[in-house]
PDB file of N, CA and C in Angstrom:
ATOM      1  N   UNK A   1     -99.550 -80.766 -48.652  1.00  0.00           N
ATOM      2  CA  UNK A   1     -99.653 -81.647 -50.001  1.00  0.00           C
ATOM      3  C   UNK A   1     -99.329 -82.856 -50.175  1.00  0.00           C
ATOM      4  N   UNK A   2     -99.953 -84.291 -50.093  1.00  0.00           N
ATOM      5  CA  UNK A   2    -100.404 -85.192 -50.324  1.00  0.00           C
ATOM      6  C   UNK A   2     -99.810 -86.169 -51.384  1.00  0.00           C
ATOM      7  N   UNK A   3     -98.803 -86.845 -50.192  1.00  0.00           N
ATOM      8  CA  UNK A   3     -98.225 -87.589 -51.631  1.00  0.00           C
ATOM      9  C   UNK A   3     -98.590 -89.472 -52.068  1.00  0.00           C
ATOM     10  N   UNK A   4     -98.187 -89.410 -53.568  1.00  0.00           N
ATOM     11  CA  UNK A   4     -98.373 -90.547 -54.074  1.00  0.00           C
ATOM     12  C   UNK A   4     -97.595 -91.328 -54.039  1.00  0.00           C
ATOM     13  N   UNK A   5     -97.824 -92.803 -53.529  1.00  0.00           N
ATOM     14  CA  UNK A   5     -96.494 -93.487 -53.539  1.00  0.00           C
ATOM     15  C   UNK A   5     -97.100 -94.743 -54.248  1.00  0.00           C
ATOM     16  N   UNK A   6     -95.643 -95.254 -54.894  1.00  0.00           N
ATOM     17  CA  UNK A   6     -96.451 -97.175 -55.366  1.00  0.00           C
ATOM     18  C   UNK A   6     -95.204 -97.289 -55.281  1.00  0.00           C
ATOM     19  N   UNK A   7     -94.960 -98.407 -54.123  1.00  0.00           N
ATOM     20  CA  UNK A   7     -93.861 -99.508 -53.749  1.00  0.00           C
ATOM     21  C   UNK A   7     -92.517 -98.481 -53.987  1.00  0.00           C
ATOM     22  N   UNK A   8     -92.823 -97.240 -52.675  1.00  0.00           N
ATOM     23  CA  UNK A   8     -91.526 -96.511 -52.967  1.00  0.00           C
ATOM     24  C   UNK A   8     -91.366 -95.912 -54.141  1.00  0.00           C
ATOM     25  N   UNK A   9     -91.949 -95.920 -54.949  1.00  0.00           N
ATOM     26  CA  UNK A   9     -91.174 -94.827 -56.241  1.00  0.00           C
ATOM     27  C   UNK A   9     -91.975 -93.230 -56.263  1.00  0.00           C
ATOM     28  N   UNK A  10     -91.746 -92.326 -56.940  1.00  0.00           N
ATOM     29  CA  UNK A  10     -91.858 -90.802 -56.866  1.00  0.00           C
ATOM     30  C   UNK A  10     -93.112 -91.215 -57.737  1.00  0.00           C
ATOM     31  N   UNK A  11     -93.882 -90.610 -57.272  1.00  0.00           N
ATOM     32  CA  UNK A  11     -95.405 -90.210 -58.691  1.00  0.00           C
ATOM     33  C   UNK A  11     -94.819 -88.929 -59.517  1.00  0.00           C
ATOM     34  N   UNK A  12     -95.779 -89.164 -60.642  1.00  0.00           N
ATOM     35  CA  UNK A  12     -95.396 -88.331 -61.751  1.00  0.00           C
ATOM     36  C   UNK A  12     -95.652 -86.985 -61.027  1.00  0.00           C
ATOM     37  N   UNK A  13     -97.106 -87.165 -60.035  1.00  0.00           N
ATOM     38  CA  UNK A  13     -97.263 -85.352 -59.647  1.00  0.00           C
ATOM     39  C   UNK A  13     -95.723 -84.906 -58.480  1.00  0.00           C
ATOM     40  N   UNK A  14     -94.999 -85.730 -57.751  1.00  0.00           N
ATOM     41  CA  UNK A  14     -94.230 -85.196 -57.077  1.00  0.00           C
ATOM     42  C   UNK A  14     -93.264 -84.906 -57.949  1.00  0.00           C
ATOM     43  N   UNK A  15     -92.713 -85.825 -58.536  1.00  0.00           N
ATOM     44  CA  UNK A  15     -91.738 -85.635 -60.162  1.00  0.00           C
ATOM     45  C   UNK A  15     -91.499 -83.888 -60.467  1.00  0.00           C
ATOM     46  N   UNK A  16     -92.759 -84.303 -61.005  1.00  0.00           N
ATOM     47  CA  UNK A  16     -93.013 -82.539 -61.701  1.00  0.00           C
ATOM     48  C   UNK A  16     -93.227 -81.136 -60.707  1.00  0.00           C
ATOM     49  N   UNK A  17     -92.910 -81.474 -59.345  1.00  0.00           N
ATOM     50  CA  UNK A  17     -93.307 -80.486 -58.300  1.00  0.00           C
ATOM     51  C   UNK A  17     -91.650 -80.492 -58.227  1.00  0.00           C
ATOM     52  N   UNK A  18     -90.743 -81.299 -57.946  1.00  0.00           N
ATOM     53  CA  UNK A  18     -89.116 -81.676 -57.798  1.00  0.00           C
ATOM     54  C   UNK A  18     -88.700 -80.602 -58.724  1.00  0.00           C
ATOM     55  N   UNK A  19     -88.969 -81.100 -60.767  1.00  0.00           N
ATOM     56  CA  UNK A  19     -88.845 -79.885 -61.327  1.00  0.00           C
ATOM     57  C   UNK A  19     -88.962 -78.525 -61.165  1.00  0.00           C
ATOM     58  N   UNK A  20     -90.255 -78.549 -61.014  1.00  0.00           N
ATOM     59  CA  UNK A  20     -90.458 -77.453 -60.669  1.00  0.00           C
ATOM     60  C   UNK A  20     -89.609 -76.406 -59.919  1.00  0.00           C
ATOM     61  N   UNK A  21     -89.563 -77.332 -58.715  1.00  0.00           N
ATOM     62  CA  UNK A  21     -88.741 -76.476 -57.717  1.00  0.00           C
ATOM     63  C   UNK A  21     -87.588 -75.908 -57.952  1.00  0.00           C
ATOM     64  N   UNK A  22     -87.108 -77.601 -58.432  1.00  0.00           N
ATOM     65  CA  UNK A  22     -85.259 -77.261 -59.172  1.00  0.00           C
ATOM     66  C   UNK A  22     -85.226 -76.472 -59.874  1.00  0.00           C
ATOM     67  N   UNK A  23     -85.980 -76.381 -61.388  1.00  0.00           N
ATOM     68  CA  UNK A  23     -85.379 -75.189 -61.748  1.00  0.00           C
ATOM     69  C   UNK A  23     -86.033 -73.857 -61.806  1.00  0.00           C
ATOM     70  N   UNK A  24     -87.015 -73.129 -60.694  1.00  0.00           N
ATOM     71  CA  UNK A  24     -87.110 -71.965 -60.197  1.00  0.00           C
ATOM     72  C   UNK A  24     -86.070 -71.531 -59.111  1.00  0.00           C
ATOM     73  N   UNK A  25     -85.303 -72.684 -58.694  1.00  0.00           N
ATOM     74  CA  UNK A  25     -84.045 -72.725 -57.618  1.00  0.00           C
ATOM     75  C   UNK A  25     -82.903 -71.817 -58.613  1.00  0.00           C
ATOM     76  N   UNK A  26     -82.832 -72.693 -60.018  1.00  0.00           N
ATOM     77  CA  UNK A  26     -81.517 -72.323 -60.464  1.00  0.00           C
ATOM     78  C   UNK A  26     -81.501 -71.280 -61.890  1.00  0.00           C
ATOM     79  N   UNK A  27     -82.956 -70.683 -62.057  1.00  0.00           N
ATOM     80  CA  UNK A  27     -82.944 -70.209 -63.108  1.00  0.00           C
ATOM     81  C   UNK A  27     -83.050 -68.399 -62.143  1.00  0.00           C
ATOM     82  N   UNK A  28     -83.106 -68.310 -60.578  1.00  0.00           N
ATOM     83  CA  UNK A  28     -83.548 -66.885 -60.114  1.00  0.00           C
ATOM     84  C   UNK A  28     -82.319 -66.911 -59.463  1.00  0.00           C
ATOM     85  N   UNK A  29     -81.297 -65.907 -59.648  1.00  0.00           N
ATOM     86  CA  UNK A  29     -80.074 -65.117 -58.981  1.00  0.00           C
ATOM     87  C   UNK A  29     -80.120 -65.233 -57.399  1.00  0.00           C
ATOM     88  N   UNK A  30     -81.491 -64.714 -57.153  1.00  0.00           N
ATOM     89  CA  UNK A  30     -81.576 -64.146 -55.884  1.00  0.00           C
ATOM     90  C   UNK A  30     -81.169 -65.370 -54.771  1.00  0.00           C
ATOM     91  N   UNK A  31     -81.261 -66.741 -55.540  1.00  0.00           N
ATOM     92  CA  UNK A  31     -81.028 -68.109 -54.379  1.00  0.00           C
ATOM     93  C   UNK A  31     -79.396 -68.196 -54.267  1.00  0.00           C
ATOM     94  N   UNK A  32     -78.847 -67.714 -55.873  1.00  0.00           N
ATOM     95  CA  UNK A  32     -77.582 -68.072 -55.619  1.00  0.00           C
ATOM     96  C   UNK A  32     -76.463 -67.139 -55.254  1.00  0.00           C
ATOM     97  N   UNK A  33     -77.086 -65.977 -55.295  1.00  0.00           N
ATOM     98  CA  UNK A  33     -76.592 -64.247 -54.255  1.00  0.00           C
ATOM     99  C   UNK A  33     -76.898 -64.567 -52.698  1.00  0.00           C
ATOM    100  N   UNK A  34     -77.796 -65.426 -52.401  1.00  0.00           N
ATOM    101  CA  UNK A  34     -77.955 -65.296 -50.985  1.00  0.00           C
ATOM    102  C   UNK A  34     -77.955 -66.679 -49.806  1.00  0.00           C
ATOM    103  N   UNK A  35     -77.762 -67.477 -50.855  1.00  0.00           N
ATOM    104  CA  UNK A  35     -77.763 -69.027 -50.475  1.00  0.00           C
ATOM    105  C   UNK A  35     -76.998 -69.602 -50.868  1.00  0.00           C
ATOM    106  N   UNK A  36     -75.877 -70.593 -49.534  1.00  0.00           N
ATOM    107  CA  UNK A  36     -74.708 -70.667 -50.129  1.00  0.00           C
ATOM    108  C   UNK A  36     -75.246 -72.562 -50.411  1.00  0.00           C
ATOM    109  N   UNK A  37     -76.122 -73.487 -49.308  1.00  0.00           N
ATOM    110  CA  UNK A  37     -76.649 -74.404 -49.960  1.00  0.00           C
ATOM    111  C   UNK A  37     -78.361 -74.950 -50.249  1.00  0.00           C
ATOM    112  N   UNK A  38     -78.020 -76.312 -51.010  1.00  0.00           N
ATOM    113  CA  UNK A  38     -79.154 -76.330 -51.447  1.00  0.00           C
ATOM    114  C   UNK A  38     -79.704 -76.058 -50.553  1.00  0.00           C
ATOM    115  N   UNK A  39     -80.114 -77.060 -48.946  1.00  0.00           N
ATOM    116  CA  UNK A  39     -81.014 -76.535 -47.979  1.00  0.00           C
ATOM    117  C   UNK A  39     -81.528 -74.992 -47.790  1.00  0.00           C
ATOM    118  N   UNK A  40     -80.912 -74.304 -47.725  1.00  0.00           N
ATOM    119  CA  UNK A  40     -81.203 -72.962 -47.626  1.00  0.00           C
ATOM    120  C   UNK A  40     -81.887 -72.155 -48.415  1.00  0.00           C
ATOM    121  N   UNK A  41     -81.431 -72.752 -50.171  1.00  0.00           N
ATOM    122  CA  UNK A  41     -82.202 -72.342 -50.971  1.00  0.00           C
ATOM    123  C   UNK A  41     -83.523 -72.923 -50.863  1.00  0.00           C
ATOM    124  N   UNK A  42     -83.739 -73.946 -50.809  1.00  0.00           N
ATOM    125  CA  UNK A  42     -85.461 -75.078 -50.712  1.00  0.00           C
ATOM    126  C   UNK A  42     -86.131 -74.112 -49.583  1.00  0.00           C
ATOM    127  N   UNK A  43     -85.797 -73.484 -48.326  1.00  0.00           N
ATOM    128  CA  UNK A  43     -86.340 -73.036 -47.244  1.00  0.00           C
ATOM    129  C   UNK A  43     -86.702 -72.044 -47.726  1.00  0.00           C
ATOM    130  N   UNK A  44     -85.513 -70.815 -48.718  1.00  0.00           N
ATOM    131  CA  UNK A  44     -86.329 -69.405 -49.283  1.00  0.00           C
ATOM    132  C   UNK A  44     -86.874 -69.971 -49.877  1.00  0.00           C
ATOM    133  N   UNK A  45     -87.245 -71.023 -50.955  1.00  0.00           N
ATOM    134  CA  UNK A  45     -87.998 -70.722 -51.913  1.00  0.00           C
ATOM    135  C   UNK A  45     -89.229 -71.280 -51.376  1.00  0.00           C
ATOM    136  N   UNK A  46     -89.599 -72.122 -50.287  1.00  0.00           N
ATOM    137  CA  UNK A  46     -90.355 -72.494 -49.996  1.00  0.00           C
ATOM    138  C   UNK A  46     -91.158 -71.213 -49.144  1.00  0.00           C
ATOM    139  N   UNK A  47     -90.401 -70.459 -48.176  1.00  0.00           N
ATOM    140  CA  UNK A  47     -90.971 -69.274 -47.607  1.00  0.00           C
ATOM    141  C   UNK A  47     -92.078 -68.832 -48.977  1.00  0.00           C
ATOM    142  N   UNK A  48     -90.868 -68.224 -50.015  1.00  0.00           N
ATOM    143  CA  UNK A  48     -91.882 -67.277 -51.345  1.00  0.00           C
ATOM    144  C   UNK A  48     -93.085 -67.904 -51.978  1.00  0.00           C
ATOM    145  N   UNK A  49     -92.627 -68.486 -51.623  1.00  0.00           N
ATOM    146  CA  UNK A  49     -94.076 -69.165 -52.933  1.00  0.00           C
ATOM    147  C   UNK A  49     -95.204 -70.406 -51.968  1.00  0.00           C
ATOM    148  N   UNK A  50     -94.565 -71.191 -50.978  1.00  0.00           N
ATOM    149  CA  UNK A  50     -95.648 -71.838 -50.496  1.00  0.00           C
ATOM    150  C   UNK A  50     -96.440 -71.081 -49.236  1.00  0.00           C
ATOM    151  N   UNK A  51     -95.420 -70.949 -48.390  1.00  0.00           N
ATOM    152  CA  UNK A  51     -95.996 -70.125 -47.013  1.00  0.00           C
ATOM    153  C   UNK A  51     -96.324 -68.914 -47.264  1.00  0.00           C
ATOM    154  N   UNK A  52     -96.383 -68.435 -48.107  1.00  0.00           N
ATOM    155  CA  UNK A  52     -97.188 -66.884 -48.058  1.00  0.00           C
ATOM    156  C   UNK A  52     -98.766 -66.907 -48.713  1.00  0.00           C
TER     157      UNK A  52
END
């Protein structure tokens, strides 16, 4: 994924992706029931959504 930055600020595209990931993780009980911290939840989200 190419990141666009303007003087250290996160672009709108990056912000939208962050919001999507956070929303997906918060609204799927799979992550809440199986992973204890945000790092583990993100890795699990990544493996389910990006890597495959």
